[in-house]
Amino acid sequence: MRFSNSEDMENYVFDEDKALAFIREAVGKKVSDKYSDDEILFIIDTIWDYYENKGFLSLDMDETEEEILDADDLIEYVKKEVAADEELMMDPADISQIVKAELQYEQSLEDVGF
């Protein structure tokens, strides 16, 4: 997530517990029941690592996230990171759904005026 100033950053309140609940509801019971909170949090953390690596967390960027964020690239990045972790066993199709749900959660925060 990119912010135009520090006030925007303060108003954007990302809550991991709310994100988990949102993701679990968005992906449905069949996918949700397969994974622990820690596994979903790993995906959330990986998404934010991607943002940091791409400079999306910078306060001085001019473009909007929608102009720069390539969701397919993000999903592929997360899939590679999950595959590299020998302890995680996650279906790539489920990873895609979880990433999309996390993006929907972020959008829901923006939709309330932040």
N, C-alpha and C. Protein backbone atom coordinates (compact mmCIF):
# COMPACT_ATOMS: atom_id res chain seq x y z
N MET A 1 0.84 -1.17 0.00
CA MET A 1 0.00 0.00 0.00
C MET A 1 0.89 1.23 0.00
N ARG A 2 0.57 2.17 -0.84
CA ARG A 2 1.35 3.39 -0.96
C ARG A 2 0.56 4.53 -0.32
N PHE A 3 1.27 5.44 0.34
CA PHE A 3 0.63 6.54 1.03
C PHE A 3 1.16 7.85 0.48
N SER A 4 0.27 8.84 0.35
CA SER A 4 0.72 10.13 -0.17
C SER A 4 1.31 11.00 0.93
N ASN A 5 0.95 10.75 2.18
CA ASN A 5 1.56 11.48 3.29
C ASN A 5 1.41 10.67 4.57
N SER A 6 2.05 11.14 5.63
CA SER A 6 2.04 10.38 6.88
C SER A 6 0.66 10.32 7.50
N GLU A 7 -0.18 11.32 7.25
CA GLU A 7 -1.55 11.29 7.77
C GLU A 7 -2.34 10.15 7.14
N ASP A 8 -2.17 9.93 5.82
CA ASP A 8 -2.83 8.82 5.16
C ASP A 8 -2.40 7.50 5.78
N MET A 9 -1.12 7.38 6.10
CA MET A 9 -0.61 6.15 6.68
C MET A 9 -1.25 5.90 8.05
N GLU A 10 -1.41 6.95 8.83
CA GLU A 10 -2.01 6.80 10.15
C GLU A 10 -3.48 6.40 10.04
N ASN A 11 -4.19 6.88 9.02
CA ASN A 11 -5.61 6.58 8.85
C ASN A 11 -5.85 5.18 8.30
N TYR A 12 -4.86 4.63 7.63
CA TYR A 12 -5.00 3.30 7.04
C TYR A 12 -4.69 2.28 8.12
N VAL A 13 -5.71 1.64 8.66
CA VAL A 13 -5.53 0.73 9.78
C VAL A 13 -5.71 -0.70 9.30
N PHE A 14 -4.60 -1.37 9.09
CA PHE A 14 -4.63 -2.76 8.68
C PHE A 14 -4.58 -3.60 9.94
N ASP A 15 -5.60 -4.39 10.15
CA ASP A 15 -5.69 -5.21 11.35
C ASP A 15 -5.59 -6.68 10.92
N GLU A 16 -4.56 -7.37 11.38
CA GLU A 16 -4.35 -8.77 10.97
C GLU A 16 -5.51 -9.67 11.36
N ASP A 17 -6.08 -9.46 12.54
CA ASP A 17 -7.21 -10.30 12.96
C ASP A 17 -8.41 -10.09 12.05
N LYS A 18 -8.68 -8.83 11.70
CA LYS A 18 -9.79 -8.54 10.80
C LYS A 18 -9.49 -9.05 9.39
N ALA A 19 -8.23 -8.94 8.99
CA ALA A 19 -7.84 -9.46 7.68
C ALA A 19 -8.04 -10.97 7.62
N LEU A 20 -7.62 -11.67 8.67
CA LEU A 20 -7.82 -13.13 8.73
C LEU A 20 -9.30 -13.50 8.61
N ALA A 21 -10.13 -12.82 9.38
CA ALA A 21 -11.57 -13.11 9.34
C ALA A 21 -12.14 -12.82 7.96
N PHE A 22 -11.73 -11.70 7.37
CA PHE A 22 -12.20 -11.32 6.04
C PHE A 22 -11.78 -12.36 5.01
N ILE A 23 -10.51 -12.76 5.05
CA ILE A 23 -9.99 -13.74 4.10
C ILE A 23 -10.71 -15.07 4.26
N ARG A 24 -10.86 -15.54 5.48
CA ARG A 24 -11.53 -16.82 5.71
C ARG A 24 -12.95 -16.81 5.15
N GLU A 25 -13.66 -15.71 5.34
CA GLU A 25 -15.02 -15.62 4.81
C GLU A 25 -14.99 -15.55 3.28
N ALA A 26 -14.06 -14.79 2.74
CA ALA A 26 -14.01 -14.60 1.28
C ALA A 26 -13.65 -15.88 0.52
N VAL A 27 -12.77 -16.70 1.09
CA VAL A 27 -12.35 -17.91 0.38
C VAL A 27 -13.29 -19.09 0.60
N GLY A 28 -14.14 -18.99 1.58
CA GLY A 28 -15.10 -20.05 1.85
C GLY A 28 -14.54 -21.12 2.77
N LYS A 29 -15.45 -21.89 3.32
CA LYS A 29 -15.10 -22.90 4.33
C LYS A 29 -14.15 -23.96 3.80
N LYS A 30 -14.37 -24.41 2.57
CA LYS A 30 -13.55 -25.49 2.01
C LYS A 30 -12.06 -25.12 2.00
N VAL A 31 -11.74 -23.92 1.57
CA VAL A 31 -10.34 -23.48 1.55
C VAL A 31 -9.90 -23.05 2.94
N SER A 32 -10.75 -22.30 3.62
CA SER A 32 -10.41 -21.78 4.94
C SER A 32 -10.02 -22.88 5.92
N ASP A 33 -10.77 -23.99 5.91
CA ASP A 33 -10.52 -25.07 6.85
C ASP A 33 -9.19 -25.80 6.62
N LYS A 34 -8.61 -25.63 5.46
CA LYS A 34 -7.34 -26.31 5.15
C LYS A 34 -6.14 -25.69 5.85
N TYR A 35 -6.26 -24.41 6.23
CA TYR A 35 -5.07 -23.68 6.64
C TYR A 35 -5.22 -23.04 8.02
N SER A 36 -4.11 -23.04 8.74
CA SER A 36 -4.07 -22.40 10.06
C SER A 36 -3.95 -20.88 9.89
N ASP A 37 -4.19 -20.18 10.98
CA ASP A 37 -3.99 -18.73 10.96
C ASP A 37 -2.56 -18.40 10.58
N ASP A 38 -1.60 -19.16 11.11
CA ASP A 38 -0.19 -18.91 10.81
C ASP A 38 0.11 -19.03 9.32
N GLU A 39 -0.52 -19.98 8.66
CA GLU A 39 -0.28 -20.15 7.22
C GLU A 39 -0.86 -18.97 6.43
N ILE A 40 -2.02 -18.52 6.82
CA ILE A 40 -2.61 -17.36 6.14
C ILE A 40 -1.82 -16.10 6.46
N LEU A 41 -1.37 -15.98 7.70
CA LEU A 41 -0.55 -14.83 8.07
C LEU A 41 0.78 -14.83 7.31
N PHE A 42 1.31 -16.00 7.01
CA PHE A 42 2.52 -16.08 6.19
C PHE A 42 2.25 -15.43 4.84
N ILE A 43 1.10 -15.72 4.26
CA ILE A 43 0.76 -15.13 2.96
C ILE A 43 0.61 -13.61 3.09
N ILE A 44 -0.06 -13.16 4.13
CA ILE A 44 -0.21 -11.72 4.35
C ILE A 44 1.16 -11.06 4.48
N ASP A 45 2.03 -11.64 5.28
CA ASP A 45 3.38 -11.09 5.46
C ASP A 45 4.15 -11.07 4.14
N THR A 46 3.97 -12.10 3.34
CA THR A 46 4.65 -12.18 2.06
C THR A 46 4.13 -11.11 1.11
N ILE A 47 2.85 -10.84 1.15
CA ILE A 47 2.29 -9.75 0.34
C ILE A 47 2.94 -8.43 0.72
N TRP A 48 3.07 -8.18 2.01
CA TRP A 48 3.67 -6.92 2.46
C TRP A 48 5.18 -6.88 2.16
N ASP A 49 5.84 -8.03 2.16
CA ASP A 49 7.23 -8.08 1.71
C ASP A 49 7.33 -7.67 0.25
N TYR A 50 6.40 -8.16 -0.56
CA TYR A 50 6.35 -7.80 -1.97
C TYR A 50 6.18 -6.28 -2.12
N TYR A 51 5.24 -5.72 -1.35
CA TYR A 51 5.03 -4.26 -1.40
C TYR A 51 6.31 -3.51 -1.07
N GLU A 52 6.99 -3.98 -0.03
CA GLU A 52 8.23 -3.31 0.38
C GLU A 52 9.29 -3.43 -0.71
N ASN A 53 9.44 -4.62 -1.28
CA ASN A 53 10.44 -4.83 -2.33
C ASN A 53 10.16 -3.99 -3.57
N LYS A 54 8.89 -3.76 -3.87
CA LYS A 54 8.50 -2.98 -5.05
C LYS A 54 8.42 -1.48 -4.76
N GLY A 55 8.63 -1.09 -3.51
CA GLY A 55 8.58 0.33 -3.15
C GLY A 55 7.19 0.88 -2.91
N PHE A 56 6.20 0.00 -2.76
CA PHE A 56 4.82 0.45 -2.57
C PHE A 56 4.58 1.07 -1.20
N LEU A 57 5.47 0.88 -0.28
CA LEU A 57 5.29 1.43 1.06
C LEU A 57 5.94 2.80 1.20
N SER A 58 6.49 3.30 0.11
CA SER A 58 7.16 4.59 0.10
C SER A 58 6.15 5.72 0.23
N LEU A 59 6.50 6.74 0.99
CA LEU A 59 5.62 7.90 1.15
C LEU A 59 5.72 8.87 -0.01
N ASP A 60 6.74 8.74 -0.85
CA ASP A 60 6.96 9.76 -1.87
C ASP A 60 6.64 9.31 -3.30
N MET A 61 5.83 8.29 -3.44
CA MET A 61 5.47 7.83 -4.79
C MET A 61 4.31 8.65 -5.32
N ASP A 62 4.34 8.95 -6.63
CA ASP A 62 3.30 9.75 -7.27
C ASP A 62 2.17 8.91 -7.83
N GLU A 63 2.48 7.73 -8.36
CA GLU A 63 1.46 6.90 -8.99
C GLU A 63 0.55 6.28 -7.93
N THR A 64 -0.64 5.91 -8.37
CA THR A 64 -1.53 5.20 -7.47
C THR A 64 -1.23 3.72 -7.54
N GLU A 65 -1.59 3.00 -6.51
CA GLU A 65 -1.31 1.57 -6.45
C GLU A 65 -1.93 0.84 -7.63
N GLU A 66 -3.15 1.23 -8.01
CA GLU A 66 -3.83 0.55 -9.10
C GLU A 66 -3.05 0.65 -10.40
N GLU A 67 -2.29 1.73 -10.57
CA GLU A 67 -1.51 1.91 -11.78
C GLU A 67 -0.27 1.02 -11.80
N ILE A 68 0.20 0.62 -10.65
CA ILE A 68 1.47 -0.10 -10.56
C ILE A 68 1.31 -1.56 -10.16
N LEU A 69 0.42 -1.85 -9.25
CA LEU A 69 0.31 -3.21 -8.73
C LEU A 69 -0.15 -4.18 -9.80
N ASP A 70 0.65 -5.18 -10.03
CA ASP A 70 0.30 -6.26 -10.95
C ASP A 70 -0.09 -7.45 -10.08
N ALA A 71 -1.39 -7.68 -9.96
CA ALA A 71 -1.88 -8.73 -9.07
C ALA A 71 -1.35 -10.10 -9.47
N ASP A 72 -1.23 -10.35 -10.77
CA ASP A 72 -0.70 -11.64 -11.21
C ASP A 72 0.75 -11.82 -10.78
N ASP A 73 1.54 -10.75 -10.88
CA ASP A 73 2.94 -10.81 -10.44
C ASP A 73 3.00 -11.05 -8.93
N LEU A 74 2.13 -10.37 -8.19
CA LEU A 74 2.07 -10.56 -6.74
C LEU A 74 1.73 -12.01 -6.40
N ILE A 75 0.73 -12.57 -7.07
CA ILE A 75 0.32 -13.95 -6.80
C ILE A 75 1.47 -14.91 -7.10
N GLU A 76 2.15 -14.71 -8.21
CA GLU A 76 3.29 -15.58 -8.55
C GLU A 76 4.40 -15.46 -7.52
N TYR A 77 4.66 -14.25 -7.05
CA TYR A 77 5.67 -14.02 -6.02
C TYR A 77 5.32 -14.80 -4.75
N VAL A 78 4.06 -14.70 -4.32
CA VAL A 78 3.62 -15.39 -3.11
C VAL A 78 3.72 -16.90 -3.30
N LYS A 79 3.31 -17.39 -4.45
CA LYS A 79 3.40 -18.84 -4.71
C LYS A 79 4.85 -19.31 -4.63
N LYS A 80 5.78 -18.55 -5.18
CA LYS A 80 7.20 -18.93 -5.12
C LYS A 80 7.72 -18.93 -3.68
N GLU A 81 7.31 -17.94 -2.91
CA GLU A 81 7.75 -17.87 -1.52
C GLU A 81 7.20 -19.03 -0.70
N VAL A 82 5.95 -19.38 -0.94
CA VAL A 82 5.34 -20.52 -0.23
C VAL A 82 6.06 -21.80 -0.63
N ALA A 83 6.31 -21.97 -1.92
CA ALA A 83 6.99 -23.18 -2.40
C ALA A 83 8.40 -23.28 -1.82
N ALA A 84 9.05 -22.15 -1.59
CA ALA A 84 10.41 -22.16 -1.05
C ALA A 84 10.44 -22.53 0.44
N ASP A 85 9.33 -22.38 1.11
CA ASP A 85 9.24 -22.73 2.53
C ASP A 85 8.89 -24.21 2.63
N GLU A 86 9.83 -25.01 3.06
CA GLU A 86 9.65 -26.46 3.09
C GLU A 86 8.58 -26.93 4.07
N GLU A 87 8.20 -26.09 5.01
CA GLU A 87 7.20 -26.48 6.00
C GLU A 87 5.77 -26.23 5.52
N LEU A 88 5.60 -25.36 4.55
CA LEU A 88 4.25 -25.03 4.06
C LEU A 88 3.85 -25.94 2.92
N MET A 89 2.67 -26.48 3.01
CA MET A 89 2.11 -27.30 1.95
C MET A 89 0.77 -26.68 1.59
N MET A 90 0.78 -25.81 0.59
CA MET A 90 -0.44 -25.10 0.21
C MET A 90 -0.69 -25.27 -1.28
N ASP A 91 -1.93 -25.48 -1.64
CA ASP A 91 -2.34 -25.61 -3.02
C ASP A 91 -2.19 -24.24 -3.71
N PRO A 92 -1.50 -24.17 -4.86
CA PRO A 92 -1.33 -22.90 -5.56
C PRO A 92 -2.66 -22.20 -5.88
N ALA A 93 -3.71 -22.96 -6.18
CA ALA A 93 -5.02 -22.34 -6.44
C ALA A 93 -5.56 -21.67 -5.19
N ASP A 94 -5.33 -22.28 -4.03
CA ASP A 94 -5.76 -21.69 -2.76
C ASP A 94 -4.96 -20.43 -2.46
N ILE A 95 -3.68 -20.46 -2.75
CA ILE A 95 -2.83 -19.28 -2.53
C ILE A 95 -3.38 -18.12 -3.33
N SER A 96 -3.73 -18.37 -4.57
CA SER A 96 -4.28 -17.32 -5.42
C SER A 96 -5.56 -16.74 -4.81
N GLN A 97 -6.43 -17.59 -4.31
CA GLN A 97 -7.68 -17.13 -3.69
C GLN A 97 -7.40 -16.30 -2.44
N ILE A 98 -6.44 -16.76 -1.64
CA ILE A 98 -6.11 -16.05 -0.40
C ILE A 98 -5.52 -14.68 -0.71
N VAL A 99 -4.63 -14.60 -1.69
CA VAL A 99 -4.04 -13.31 -2.06
C VAL A 99 -5.13 -12.36 -2.56
N LYS A 100 -6.01 -12.84 -3.41
CA LYS A 100 -7.10 -12.00 -3.92
C LYS A 100 -8.00 -11.53 -2.79
N ALA A 101 -8.26 -12.39 -1.82
CA ALA A 101 -9.09 -12.00 -0.67
C ALA A 101 -8.39 -10.94 0.17
N GLU A 102 -7.08 -11.07 0.33
CA GLU A 102 -6.32 -10.07 1.09
C GLU A 102 -6.39 -8.73 0.37
N LEU A 103 -6.27 -8.74 -0.95
CA LEU A 103 -6.38 -7.50 -1.72
C LEU A 103 -7.77 -6.89 -1.57
N GLN A 104 -8.79 -7.73 -1.51
CA GLN A 104 -10.16 -7.24 -1.29
C GLN A 104 -10.27 -6.59 0.10
N TYR A 105 -9.62 -7.19 1.08
CA TYR A 105 -9.63 -6.59 2.42
C TYR A 105 -9.00 -5.21 2.38
N GLU A 106 -7.85 -5.09 1.72
CA GLU A 106 -7.20 -3.78 1.61
C GLU A 106 -8.12 -2.77 0.92
N GLN A 107 -8.78 -3.22 -0.14
CA GLN A 107 -9.70 -2.35 -0.86
C GLN A 107 -10.86 -1.92 0.04
N SER A 108 -11.32 -2.81 0.90
CA SER A 108 -12.41 -2.46 1.81
C SER A 108 -11.98 -1.33 2.76
N LEU A 109 -10.71 -1.29 3.11
CA LEU A 109 -10.21 -0.22 3.97
C LEU A 109 -10.19 1.10 3.21
N GLU A 110 -9.77 1.02 1.95
CA GLU A 110 -9.74 2.23 1.12
C GLU A 110 -11.14 2.76 0.85
N ASP A 111 -12.09 1.85 0.71
CA ASP A 111 -13.47 2.22 0.37
C ASP A 111 -14.15 3.00 1.49
N VAL A 112 -13.64 2.92 2.70
CA VAL A 112 -14.26 3.66 3.80
C VAL A 112 -13.65 5.04 3.95
N GLY A 113 -12.87 5.45 2.96
CA GLY A 113 -12.40 6.84 2.95
C GLY A 113 -10.94 7.03 3.27
N PHE A 114 -10.18 5.98 3.39
CA PHE A 114 -8.76 6.16 3.70
C PHE A 114 -7.97 6.18 2.45
